[in-house]
Amino acid sequence: MGSTSFDLIGRIKQGDGNAFTPLLEKYRSRLGVWIYYRMSASLRQRVEVDDIVQETMLRAFREFDRFTWQGSGSFMRWLSRIAEHVIIDTARYHERGKRNAELVRFRSESNPAGPEPADSMTPSRCFSGRERLQLLVGSLDALSADYREAIVLAKIEGLTTQELAERLGRNREAAALLLHRALKAFREIHSVAGKAAEQEQSK
């Protein structure tokens, strides 16, 4: 059976609930990075990025019938819009001290009564996802601000080169060159960080 985003979305639309888990897993890391850089530093101190990711996925599960495939990148943009609302709701809750938005976590050992649309999200897989997110964010934070912005816009939000150029206020060639250099720097940093993490785990 197909495992591309388009295939998985088609299967879900046809009633195959089992396709929802692999679909979300394809986007979990990208979504986590996007959310991390959209959250304020103060909000990150109060709320785990993974909480926002899981609430976003839960809302996506509930509202999936509203999604319409509009080409590559459309699902990530849809998830990003949902995540933006989750972040805003969460920030308002913490600012006002009222429960305007209750984060609902997936079922786990610490939350046995919670919903679980993604049945295969075991604790070990969740932990692995958090480690992967931390590694990605750490590598991105090590980049210069312009390199980091280019990667987040192009590879996380999924902007085209022309859209990237417009967002950065550069011409298309300059934006493409910036992204090329940014990705080269990221790969070098991420490779070193990944090897360090593997060595730490093997101890």
N, C-alpha and C. Protein backbone atom coordinates (compact mmCIF):
# COMPACT_ATOMS: atom_id res chain seq x y z
N MET A 1 0.84 -1.20 0.00
CA MET A 1 0.00 0.00 0.00
C MET A 1 0.88 1.25 0.00
N GLY A 2 0.41 2.33 -0.62
CA GLY A 2 1.21 3.53 -0.73
C GLY A 2 1.50 4.17 0.60
N SER A 3 2.69 4.77 0.71
CA SER A 3 3.07 5.41 1.97
C SER A 3 3.47 6.87 1.79
N THR A 4 3.24 7.44 0.61
CA THR A 4 3.48 8.86 0.45
C THR A 4 2.37 9.61 1.18
N SER A 5 2.60 10.90 1.44
CA SER A 5 1.57 11.69 2.13
C SER A 5 0.26 11.64 1.36
N PHE A 6 0.33 11.78 0.03
CA PHE A 6 -0.87 11.75 -0.80
C PHE A 6 -1.61 10.42 -0.65
N ASP A 7 -0.85 9.32 -0.67
CA ASP A 7 -1.46 7.99 -0.54
C ASP A 7 -2.11 7.81 0.82
N LEU A 8 -1.39 8.22 1.87
CA LEU A 8 -1.91 8.05 3.22
C LEU A 8 -3.16 8.88 3.45
N ILE A 9 -3.15 10.10 2.93
CA ILE A 9 -4.32 10.98 3.06
C ILE A 9 -5.51 10.37 2.32
N GLY A 10 -5.26 9.81 1.15
CA GLY A 10 -6.32 9.16 0.40
C GLY A 10 -6.91 7.98 1.14
N ARG A 11 -6.05 7.21 1.80
CA ARG A 11 -6.52 6.05 2.56
C ARG A 11 -7.38 6.50 3.75
N ILE A 12 -6.95 7.59 4.41
CA ILE A 12 -7.73 8.09 5.55
C ILE A 12 -9.09 8.57 5.08
N LYS A 13 -9.11 9.27 3.96
CA LYS A 13 -10.37 9.77 3.42
C LYS A 13 -11.33 8.63 3.08
N GLN A 14 -10.74 7.46 2.76
CA GLN A 14 -11.55 6.30 2.42
C GLN A 14 -11.92 5.46 3.65
N GLY A 15 -11.53 5.94 4.84
CA GLY A 15 -11.92 5.27 6.07
C GLY A 15 -10.86 4.41 6.73
N ASP A 16 -9.64 4.44 6.22
CA ASP A 16 -8.56 3.64 6.81
C ASP A 16 -7.90 4.43 7.94
N GLY A 17 -8.38 4.22 9.17
CA GLY A 17 -7.85 4.94 10.31
C GLY A 17 -6.41 4.58 10.63
N ASN A 18 -5.96 3.39 10.20
CA ASN A 18 -4.60 2.97 10.49
C ASN A 18 -3.56 3.80 9.74
N ALA A 19 -4.00 4.54 8.73
CA ALA A 19 -3.06 5.34 7.95
C ALA A 19 -2.73 6.66 8.64
N PHE A 20 -3.47 7.00 9.68
CA PHE A 20 -3.26 8.29 10.33
C PHE A 20 -1.93 8.34 11.08
N THR A 21 -1.57 7.26 11.75
CA THR A 21 -0.32 7.23 12.51
C THR A 21 0.90 7.44 11.63
N PRO A 22 1.09 6.66 10.55
CA PRO A 22 2.27 6.90 9.71
C PRO A 22 2.27 8.27 9.05
N LEU A 23 1.08 8.82 8.77
CA LEU A 23 1.02 10.16 8.18
C LEU A 23 1.58 11.19 9.16
N LEU A 24 1.12 11.14 10.40
CA LEU A 24 1.61 12.10 11.39
C LEU A 24 3.08 11.91 11.70
N GLU A 25 3.53 10.66 11.71
CA GLU A 25 4.94 10.40 11.99
C GLU A 25 5.85 11.03 10.94
N LYS A 26 5.36 11.13 9.70
CA LYS A 26 6.14 11.75 8.64
C LYS A 26 6.37 13.24 8.91
N TYR A 27 5.47 13.84 9.68
CA TYR A 27 5.52 15.29 9.90
C TYR A 27 5.89 15.68 11.33
N ARG A 28 6.03 14.72 12.23
CA ARG A 28 6.23 15.04 13.64
C ARG A 28 7.47 15.92 13.87
N SER A 29 8.59 15.55 13.30
CA SER A 29 9.82 16.32 13.54
C SER A 29 9.74 17.72 12.94
N ARG A 30 9.26 17.81 11.70
CA ARG A 30 9.12 19.12 11.06
C ARG A 30 8.17 20.01 11.84
N LEU A 31 7.06 19.42 12.28
CA LEU A 31 6.08 20.18 13.04
C LEU A 31 6.67 20.64 14.37
N GLY A 32 7.43 19.76 15.01
CA GLY A 32 8.05 20.12 16.27
C GLY A 32 9.01 21.29 16.14
N VAL A 33 9.81 21.29 15.08
CA VAL A 33 10.74 22.40 14.85
C VAL A 33 9.97 23.68 14.58
N TRP A 34 8.95 23.58 13.75
CA TRP A 34 8.15 24.77 13.42
C TRP A 34 7.53 25.36 14.68
N ILE A 35 6.98 24.51 15.53
CA ILE A 35 6.36 24.96 16.77
C ILE A 35 7.39 25.59 17.70
N TYR A 36 8.54 24.96 17.81
CA TYR A 36 9.60 25.47 18.70
C TYR A 36 9.93 26.92 18.38
N TYR A 37 10.08 27.23 17.10
CA TYR A 37 10.47 28.58 16.70
C TYR A 37 9.29 29.56 16.65
N ARG A 38 8.08 29.05 16.82
CA ARG A 38 6.92 29.93 16.90
C ARG A 38 6.54 30.25 18.36
N MET A 39 7.01 29.43 19.27
CA MET A 39 6.74 29.66 20.68
C MET A 39 7.71 30.71 21.24
N SER A 40 7.23 31.54 22.12
CA SER A 40 8.11 32.50 22.79
C SER A 40 8.99 31.75 23.79
N ALA A 41 10.11 32.37 24.16
CA ALA A 41 11.00 31.73 25.12
C ALA A 41 10.29 31.49 26.45
N SER A 42 9.46 32.46 26.85
CA SER A 42 8.75 32.31 28.13
C SER A 42 7.74 31.17 28.08
N LEU A 43 7.07 31.00 26.93
CA LEU A 43 6.10 29.91 26.81
C LEU A 43 6.80 28.56 26.83
N ARG A 44 8.00 28.49 26.22
CA ARG A 44 8.75 27.24 26.22
C ARG A 44 9.14 26.82 27.63
N GLN A 45 9.28 27.79 28.52
CA GLN A 45 9.62 27.47 29.90
C GLN A 45 8.44 26.86 30.65
N ARG A 46 7.23 27.14 30.18
CA ARG A 46 6.02 26.65 30.85
C ARG A 46 5.44 25.40 30.20
N VAL A 47 5.63 25.28 28.89
CA VAL A 47 4.98 24.21 28.15
C VAL A 47 6.00 23.46 27.29
N GLU A 48 5.91 22.14 27.30
CA GLU A 48 6.78 21.33 26.45
C GLU A 48 6.33 21.45 25.00
N VAL A 49 7.30 21.53 24.10
CA VAL A 49 6.99 21.57 22.67
C VAL A 49 6.16 20.35 22.28
N ASP A 50 6.49 19.20 22.88
CA ASP A 50 5.78 17.97 22.54
C ASP A 50 4.31 18.04 22.91
N ASP A 51 3.97 18.81 23.97
CA ASP A 51 2.56 18.98 24.32
C ASP A 51 1.81 19.70 23.20
N ILE A 52 2.45 20.72 22.63
CA ILE A 52 1.84 21.46 21.53
C ILE A 52 1.72 20.57 20.30
N VAL A 53 2.77 19.78 20.05
CA VAL A 53 2.73 18.85 18.91
C VAL A 53 1.57 17.88 19.04
N GLN A 54 1.42 17.29 20.21
CA GLN A 54 0.38 16.28 20.39
C GLN A 54 -1.02 16.89 20.33
N GLU A 55 -1.18 18.09 20.89
CA GLU A 55 -2.49 18.74 20.79
C GLU A 55 -2.81 19.09 19.35
N THR A 56 -1.80 19.53 18.61
CA THR A 56 -1.99 19.83 17.19
C THR A 56 -2.42 18.59 16.43
N MET A 57 -1.77 17.47 16.70
CA MET A 57 -2.12 16.22 16.03
C MET A 57 -3.52 15.75 16.41
N LEU A 58 -3.88 15.94 17.67
CA LEU A 58 -5.22 15.55 18.10
C LEU A 58 -6.28 16.37 17.38
N ARG A 59 -6.05 17.68 17.28
CA ARG A 59 -7.01 18.54 16.57
C ARG A 59 -7.06 18.17 15.09
N ALA A 60 -5.89 17.85 14.51
CA ALA A 60 -5.86 17.44 13.11
C ALA A 60 -6.67 16.18 12.90
N PHE A 61 -6.57 15.25 13.84
CA PHE A 61 -7.34 14.01 13.78
C PHE A 61 -8.84 14.30 13.82
N ARG A 62 -9.24 15.21 14.70
CA ARG A 62 -10.65 15.54 14.86
C ARG A 62 -11.20 16.30 13.66
N GLU A 63 -10.35 17.12 13.04
CA GLU A 63 -10.80 18.01 11.99
C GLU A 63 -10.37 17.56 10.60
N PHE A 64 -9.95 16.31 10.46
CA PHE A 64 -9.35 15.86 9.22
C PHE A 64 -10.29 15.99 8.02
N ASP A 65 -11.59 15.87 8.27
CA ASP A 65 -12.53 15.95 7.16
C ASP A 65 -12.54 17.34 6.52
N ARG A 66 -11.94 18.33 7.21
CA ARG A 66 -11.88 19.69 6.66
C ARG A 66 -10.68 19.90 5.74
N PHE A 67 -9.75 18.94 5.77
CA PHE A 67 -8.54 19.10 4.96
C PHE A 67 -8.77 18.67 3.52
N THR A 68 -8.25 19.48 2.60
CA THR A 68 -8.30 19.16 1.18
C THR A 68 -6.89 19.22 0.61
N TRP A 69 -6.47 18.16 -0.03
CA TRP A 69 -5.13 18.11 -0.63
C TRP A 69 -5.03 19.13 -1.75
N GLN A 70 -4.02 19.99 -1.67
CA GLN A 70 -3.81 21.01 -2.70
C GLN A 70 -2.36 21.00 -3.20
N GLY A 71 -1.80 19.82 -3.22
CA GLY A 71 -0.44 19.69 -3.70
C GLY A 71 0.57 19.55 -2.59
N SER A 72 1.81 19.31 -2.99
CA SER A 72 2.90 19.12 -2.04
C SER A 72 3.01 20.32 -1.10
N GLY A 73 3.13 20.05 0.16
CA GLY A 73 3.26 21.12 1.15
C GLY A 73 1.95 21.55 1.77
N SER A 74 0.83 21.15 1.18
CA SER A 74 -0.46 21.62 1.69
C SER A 74 -0.80 21.03 3.06
N PHE A 75 -0.38 19.78 3.32
CA PHE A 75 -0.70 19.19 4.61
C PHE A 75 0.11 19.85 5.73
N MET A 76 1.39 20.14 5.46
CA MET A 76 2.21 20.81 6.45
C MET A 76 1.68 22.21 6.73
N ARG A 77 1.24 22.90 5.70
CA ARG A 77 0.67 24.24 5.92
C ARG A 77 -0.59 24.16 6.76
N TRP A 78 -1.40 23.13 6.52
CA TRP A 78 -2.63 22.95 7.30
C TRP A 78 -2.30 22.65 8.76
N LEU A 79 -1.33 21.76 8.98
CA LEU A 79 -0.90 21.47 10.35
C LEU A 79 -0.35 22.72 11.03
N SER A 80 0.38 23.54 10.28
CA SER A 80 0.96 24.75 10.84
C SER A 80 -0.11 25.73 11.30
N ARG A 81 -1.18 25.82 10.53
CA ARG A 81 -2.28 26.72 10.93
C ARG A 81 -2.94 26.23 12.22
N ILE A 82 -3.12 24.92 12.32
CA ILE A 82 -3.69 24.36 13.55
C ILE A 82 -2.74 24.62 14.71
N ALA A 83 -1.46 24.38 14.51
CA ALA A 83 -0.47 24.59 15.57
C ALA A 83 -0.44 26.04 16.02
N GLU A 84 -0.62 26.96 15.08
CA GLU A 84 -0.62 28.39 15.43
C GLU A 84 -1.76 28.68 16.40
N HIS A 85 -2.92 28.10 16.16
CA HIS A 85 -4.06 28.30 17.06
C HIS A 85 -3.80 27.67 18.43
N VAL A 86 -3.16 26.50 18.43
CA VAL A 86 -2.85 25.84 19.70
C VAL A 86 -1.89 26.69 20.52
N ILE A 87 -0.88 27.24 19.86
CA ILE A 87 0.10 28.09 20.55
C ILE A 87 -0.58 29.32 21.13
N ILE A 88 -1.44 29.96 20.33
CA ILE A 88 -2.15 31.15 20.79
C ILE A 88 -3.05 30.83 21.97
N ASP A 89 -3.81 29.73 21.87
CA ASP A 89 -4.70 29.33 22.96
C ASP A 89 -3.91 29.05 24.24
N THR A 90 -2.78 28.36 24.07
CA THR A 90 -1.96 28.00 25.22
C THR A 90 -1.35 29.24 25.87
N ALA A 91 -0.88 30.17 25.05
CA ALA A 91 -0.29 31.40 25.58
C ALA A 91 -1.34 32.21 26.34
N ARG A 92 -2.56 32.27 25.80
CA ARG A 92 -3.64 33.00 26.47
C ARG A 92 -3.97 32.38 27.82
N TYR A 93 -3.98 31.07 27.85
CA TYR A 93 -4.26 30.37 29.11
C TYR A 93 -3.24 30.75 30.18
N HIS A 94 -1.98 30.74 29.80
CA HIS A 94 -0.92 31.05 30.77
C HIS A 94 -0.89 32.53 31.13
N GLU A 95 -1.26 33.38 30.18
CA GLU A 95 -1.26 34.81 30.45
C GLU A 95 -2.41 35.19 31.39
N ARG A 96 -3.56 34.59 31.20
CA ARG A 96 -4.74 34.95 31.98
C ARG A 96 -4.93 34.11 33.24
N GLY A 97 -4.23 33.00 33.31
CA GLY A 97 -4.38 32.15 34.47
C GLY A 97 -5.70 31.41 34.48
N LYS A 98 -6.33 31.31 33.33
CA LYS A 98 -7.61 30.60 33.21
C LYS A 98 -7.44 29.46 32.21
N ARG A 99 -8.26 28.48 32.34
CA ARG A 99 -8.14 27.33 31.43
C ARG A 99 -8.96 27.58 30.17
N ASN A 100 -8.42 28.49 29.34
CA ASN A 100 -9.09 28.79 28.07
C ASN A 100 -8.86 27.68 27.05
N ALA A 101 -7.72 27.02 27.22
CA ALA A 101 -7.41 25.95 26.28
C ALA A 101 -6.76 24.81 27.04
N GLU A 102 -7.42 23.68 27.09
CA GLU A 102 -6.88 22.55 27.84
C GLU A 102 -6.15 21.63 26.87
N LEU A 103 -4.86 21.44 27.13
CA LEU A 103 -4.09 20.54 26.30
C LEU A 103 -4.51 19.11 26.61
N VAL A 104 -4.90 18.37 25.60
CA VAL A 104 -5.32 16.98 25.79
C VAL A 104 -4.22 16.09 25.25
N ARG A 105 -3.61 15.32 26.12
CA ARG A 105 -2.52 14.48 25.70
C ARG A 105 -3.02 13.11 25.25
N PHE A 106 -2.25 12.47 24.36
CA PHE A 106 -2.58 11.13 23.96
C PHE A 106 -2.42 10.18 25.14
N ARG A 107 -3.04 9.03 25.06
CA ARG A 107 -2.98 8.06 26.14
C ARG A 107 -1.53 7.63 26.39
N SER A 108 -1.16 7.55 27.66
CA SER A 108 0.18 7.12 28.05
C SER A 108 0.09 6.55 29.45
N GLU A 109 1.23 6.11 30.00
CA GLU A 109 1.23 5.55 31.35
C GLU A 109 0.79 6.61 32.36
N SER A 110 1.19 7.87 32.12
CA SER A 110 0.83 8.94 33.04
C SER A 110 -0.55 9.52 32.77
N ASN A 111 -1.13 9.15 31.62
CA ASN A 111 -2.45 9.67 31.26
C ASN A 111 -3.28 8.55 30.63
N PRO A 112 -3.62 7.53 31.42
CA PRO A 112 -4.29 6.35 30.86
C PRO A 112 -5.67 6.60 30.30
N ALA A 113 -6.29 7.71 30.69
CA ALA A 113 -7.65 7.99 30.22
C ALA A 113 -7.65 8.84 28.96
N GLY A 114 -6.49 9.25 28.50
CA GLY A 114 -6.42 10.14 27.34
C GLY A 114 -6.76 9.43 26.04
N PRO A 115 -7.15 10.20 25.01
CA PRO A 115 -7.46 9.61 23.71
C PRO A 115 -6.18 9.19 23.01
N GLU A 116 -6.29 8.26 22.09
CA GLU A 116 -5.12 7.80 21.37
C GLU A 116 -5.47 7.45 19.94
N PRO A 117 -5.58 8.47 19.06
CA PRO A 117 -5.87 8.18 17.67
C PRO A 117 -4.71 7.48 16.98
N ALA A 118 -3.47 7.68 17.50
CA ALA A 118 -2.30 7.05 16.91
C ALA A 118 -1.87 5.90 17.82
N ASP A 119 -2.42 4.72 17.58
CA ASP A 119 -2.25 3.59 18.49
C ASP A 119 -0.81 3.14 18.65
N SER A 120 0.03 3.37 17.64
CA SER A 120 1.40 2.85 17.72
C SER A 120 2.37 3.81 18.39
N MET A 121 1.87 4.94 18.93
CA MET A 121 2.76 5.88 19.59
C MET A 121 3.11 5.39 20.98
N THR A 122 4.02 4.41 21.04
CA THR A 122 4.45 3.85 22.31
C THR A 122 5.37 4.83 23.02
N PRO A 123 5.56 4.67 24.34
CA PRO A 123 6.47 5.57 25.05
C PRO A 123 7.86 5.64 24.45
N SER A 124 8.38 4.49 23.99
CA SER A 124 9.73 4.49 23.42
C SER A 124 9.78 5.30 22.13
N ARG A 125 8.72 5.23 21.33
CA ARG A 125 8.69 6.01 20.09
C ARG A 125 8.53 7.48 20.39
N CYS A 126 7.74 7.82 21.40
CA CYS A 126 7.61 9.22 21.80
C CYS A 126 8.94 9.77 22.27
N PHE A 127 9.67 8.95 23.06
CA PHE A 127 10.97 9.38 23.56
C PHE A 127 11.94 9.58 22.41
N SER A 128 11.91 8.66 21.46
CA SER A 128 12.78 8.78 20.30
C SER A 128 12.45 10.04 19.51
N GLY A 129 11.15 10.36 19.41
CA GLY A 129 10.75 11.57 18.70
C GLY A 129 11.26 12.82 19.37
N ARG A 130 11.22 12.85 20.71
CA ARG A 130 11.71 14.01 21.44
C ARG A 130 13.22 14.17 21.25
N GLU A 131 13.95 13.05 21.26
CA GLU A 131 15.40 13.10 21.06
C GLU A 131 15.72 13.66 19.67
N ARG A 132 14.97 13.21 18.68
CA ARG A 132 15.19 13.67 17.32
C ARG A 132 14.91 15.16 17.20
N LEU A 133 13.85 15.61 17.86
CA LEU A 133 13.52 17.03 17.84
C LEU A 133 14.61 17.85 18.51
N GLN A 134 15.09 17.39 19.66
CA GLN A 134 16.13 18.11 20.37
C GLN A 134 17.40 18.21 19.53
N LEU A 135 17.71 17.15 18.81
CA LEU A 135 18.89 17.15 17.95
C LEU A 135 18.74 18.14 16.80
N LEU A 136 17.55 18.16 16.19
CA LEU A 136 17.29 19.09 15.09
C LEU A 136 17.37 20.54 15.56
N VAL A 137 16.69 20.83 16.66
CA VAL A 137 16.67 22.19 17.19
C VAL A 137 18.07 22.62 17.60
N GLY A 138 18.82 21.72 18.23
CA GLY A 138 20.18 22.05 18.64
C GLY A 138 21.06 22.39 17.45
N SER A 139 20.92 21.65 16.37
CA SER A 139 21.71 21.92 15.16
C SER A 139 21.29 23.24 14.52
N LEU A 140 19.99 23.51 14.49
CA LEU A 140 19.51 24.77 13.91
C LEU A 140 19.94 25.97 14.76
N ASP A 141 19.91 25.82 16.08
CA ASP A 141 20.31 26.91 16.97
C ASP A 141 21.79 27.25 16.82
N ALA A 142 22.57 26.28 16.37
CA ALA A 142 24.01 26.51 16.19
C ALA A 142 24.32 27.30 14.92
N LEU A 143 23.33 27.48 14.06
CA LEU A 143 23.51 28.23 12.81
C LEU A 143 23.34 29.73 13.04
N SER A 144 23.79 30.51 12.10
CA SER A 144 23.53 31.95 12.15
C SER A 144 22.04 32.17 11.93
N ALA A 145 21.54 33.32 12.35
CA ALA A 145 20.11 33.59 12.29
C ALA A 145 19.58 33.53 10.86
N ASP A 146 20.33 34.06 9.88
CA ASP A 146 19.84 34.05 8.50
C ASP A 146 19.82 32.64 7.92
N TYR A 147 20.81 31.82 8.27
CA TYR A 147 20.82 30.43 7.81
C TYR A 147 19.63 29.67 8.41
N ARG A 148 19.43 29.86 9.71
CA ARG A 148 18.34 29.16 10.40
C ARG A 148 16.99 29.55 9.81
N GLU A 149 16.78 30.84 9.58
CA GLU A 149 15.51 31.31 9.03
C GLU A 149 15.26 30.72 7.65
N ALA A 150 16.30 30.66 6.83
CA ALA A 150 16.15 30.12 5.47
C ALA A 150 15.72 28.66 5.51
N ILE A 151 16.32 27.88 6.40
CA ILE A 151 15.99 26.46 6.48
C ILE A 151 14.59 26.25 7.02
N VAL A 152 14.23 26.99 8.05
CA VAL A 152 12.89 26.84 8.64
C VAL A 152 11.82 27.20 7.60
N LEU A 153 12.04 28.28 6.88
CA LEU A 153 11.06 28.70 5.88
C LEU A 153 10.95 27.71 4.72
N ALA A 154 12.11 27.26 4.23
CA ALA A 154 12.11 26.40 3.03
C ALA A 154 11.83 24.94 3.34
N LYS A 155 12.44 24.43 4.40
CA LYS A 155 12.36 22.99 4.65
C LYS A 155 11.34 22.60 5.71
N ILE A 156 10.97 23.54 6.56
CA ILE A 156 9.96 23.23 7.58
C ILE A 156 8.58 23.72 7.12
N GLU A 157 8.51 25.02 6.75
CA GLU A 157 7.23 25.54 6.26
C GLU A 157 6.95 25.09 4.84
N GLY A 158 8.01 24.77 4.08
CA GLY A 158 7.83 24.27 2.73
C GLY A 158 7.65 25.33 1.66
N LEU A 159 8.21 26.54 1.88
CA LEU A 159 8.10 27.59 0.88
C LEU A 159 8.92 27.26 -0.36
N THR A 160 8.46 27.69 -1.50
CA THR A 160 9.23 27.54 -2.73
C THR A 160 10.37 28.55 -2.71
N THR A 161 11.31 28.42 -3.64
CA THR A 161 12.44 29.35 -3.69
C THR A 161 11.95 30.78 -3.92
N GLN A 162 10.95 30.94 -4.76
CA GLN A 162 10.41 32.28 -5.02
C GLN A 162 9.74 32.84 -3.77
N GLU A 163 8.97 31.99 -3.08
CA GLU A 163 8.31 32.44 -1.84
C GLU A 163 9.35 32.77 -0.77
N LEU A 164 10.42 31.99 -0.73
CA LEU A 164 11.50 32.24 0.21
C LEU A 164 12.15 33.59 -0.07
N ALA A 165 12.39 33.86 -1.33
CA ALA A 165 13.01 35.12 -1.72
C ALA A 165 12.13 36.30 -1.31
N GLU A 166 10.84 36.18 -1.53
CA GLU A 166 9.92 37.26 -1.17
C GLU A 166 9.87 37.48 0.32
N ARG A 167 9.88 36.37 1.09
CA ARG A 167 9.83 36.49 2.55
C ARG A 167 11.11 37.12 3.09
N LEU A 168 12.25 36.80 2.46
CA LEU A 168 13.53 37.31 2.95
C LEU A 168 13.89 38.68 2.36
N GLY A 169 13.13 39.10 1.36
CA GLY A 169 13.43 40.38 0.73
C GLY A 169 14.68 40.32 -0.13
N ARG A 170 14.93 39.17 -0.76
CA ARG A 170 16.09 38.97 -1.63
C ARG A 170 15.60 38.56 -3.02
N ASN A 171 16.51 38.59 -3.98
CA ASN A 171 16.12 38.06 -5.28
C ASN A 171 16.22 36.54 -5.24
N ARG A 172 15.67 35.89 -6.25
CA ARG A 172 15.56 34.43 -6.23
C ARG A 172 16.92 33.75 -6.15
N GLU A 173 17.90 34.26 -6.91
CA GLU A 173 19.23 33.67 -6.93
C GLU A 173 19.91 33.79 -5.57
N ALA A 174 19.77 34.95 -4.95
CA ALA A 174 20.40 35.18 -3.64
C ALA A 174 19.77 34.27 -2.58
N ALA A 175 18.46 34.10 -2.65
CA ALA A 175 17.77 33.25 -1.70
C ALA A 175 18.18 31.79 -1.87
N ALA A 176 18.31 31.36 -3.12
CA ALA A 176 18.71 29.98 -3.40
C ALA A 176 20.13 29.72 -2.91
N LEU A 177 21.02 30.69 -3.10
CA LEU A 177 22.40 30.54 -2.65
C LEU A 177 22.46 30.50 -1.13
N LEU A 178 21.69 31.37 -0.49
CA LEU A 178 21.66 31.38 0.97
C LEU A 178 21.18 30.04 1.51
N LEU A 179 20.13 29.49 0.92
CA LEU A 179 19.59 28.21 1.36
C LEU A 179 20.61 27.09 1.15
N HIS A 180 21.29 27.12 0.01
CA HIS A 180 22.31 26.11 -0.29
C HIS A 180 23.40 26.12 0.77
N ARG A 181 23.90 27.30 1.10
CA ARG A 181 24.96 27.42 2.11
C ARG A 181 24.45 27.04 3.49
N ALA A 182 23.20 27.41 3.77
CA ALA A 182 22.62 27.09 5.07
C ALA A 182 22.49 25.58 5.25
N LEU A 183 22.03 24.90 4.21
CA LEU A 183 21.86 23.45 4.30
C LEU A 183 23.21 22.74 4.42
N LYS A 184 24.22 23.26 3.74
CA LYS A 184 25.56 22.67 3.84
C LYS A 184 26.07 22.79 5.27
N ALA A 185 25.90 23.98 5.86
CA ALA A 185 26.35 24.20 7.24
C ALA A 185 25.55 23.32 8.21
N PHE A 186 24.25 23.22 7.96
CA PHE A 186 23.40 22.42 8.83
C PHE A 186 23.81 20.95 8.80
N ARG A 187 24.06 20.41 7.61
CA ARG A 187 24.43 19.00 7.50
C ARG A 187 25.72 18.71 8.26
N GLU A 188 26.68 19.63 8.18
CA GLU A 188 27.94 19.43 8.87
C GLU A 188 27.73 19.42 10.39
N ILE A 189 26.97 20.39 10.88
CA ILE A 189 26.71 20.48 12.32
C ILE A 189 25.88 19.30 12.80
N HIS A 190 24.85 18.96 12.03
CA HIS A 190 23.94 17.89 12.42
C HIS A 190 24.64 16.54 12.42
N SER A 191 25.56 16.34 11.49
CA SER A 191 26.31 15.10 11.42
C SER A 191 27.18 14.92 12.66
N VAL A 192 27.85 15.98 13.06
CA VAL A 192 28.71 15.93 14.25
C VAL A 192 27.85 15.69 15.49
N ALA A 193 26.73 16.41 15.59
CA ALA A 193 25.84 16.26 16.74
C ALA A 193 25.25 14.85 16.80
N GLY A 194 24.90 14.31 15.64
CA GLY A 194 24.33 12.97 15.60
C GLY A 194 25.32 11.92 16.06
N LYS A 195 26.57 12.05 15.63
CA LYS A 195 27.60 11.09 16.04
C LYS A 195 27.87 11.19 17.53
N ALA A 196 27.85 12.43 18.05
CA ALA A 196 28.06 12.63 19.49
C ALA A 196 26.94 11.98 20.29
N ALA A 197 25.70 12.11 19.78
CA ALA A 197 24.55 11.52 20.46
C ALA A 197 24.64 9.99 20.45
N GLU A 198 25.07 9.43 19.34
CA GLU A 198 25.22 7.98 19.24
C GLU A 198 26.27 7.47 20.21
N GLN A 199 27.37 8.20 20.32
CA GLN A 199 28.43 7.80 21.25
C GLN A 199 27.94 7.86 22.69
N GLU A 200 27.14 8.89 23.00
CA GLU A 200 26.60 9.05 24.35
C GLU A 200 25.67 7.90 24.68
N GLN A 201 24.85 7.49 23.71
CA GLN A 201 23.89 6.41 23.94
C GLN A 201 24.59 5.06 24.11
N SER A 202 25.75 4.91 23.46
CA SER A 202 26.47 3.62 23.52
C SER A 202 27.25 3.43 24.80
N LYS A 203 27.36 4.49 25.61
CA LYS A 203 28.12 4.37 26.86
C LYS A 203 27.36 3.50 27.87
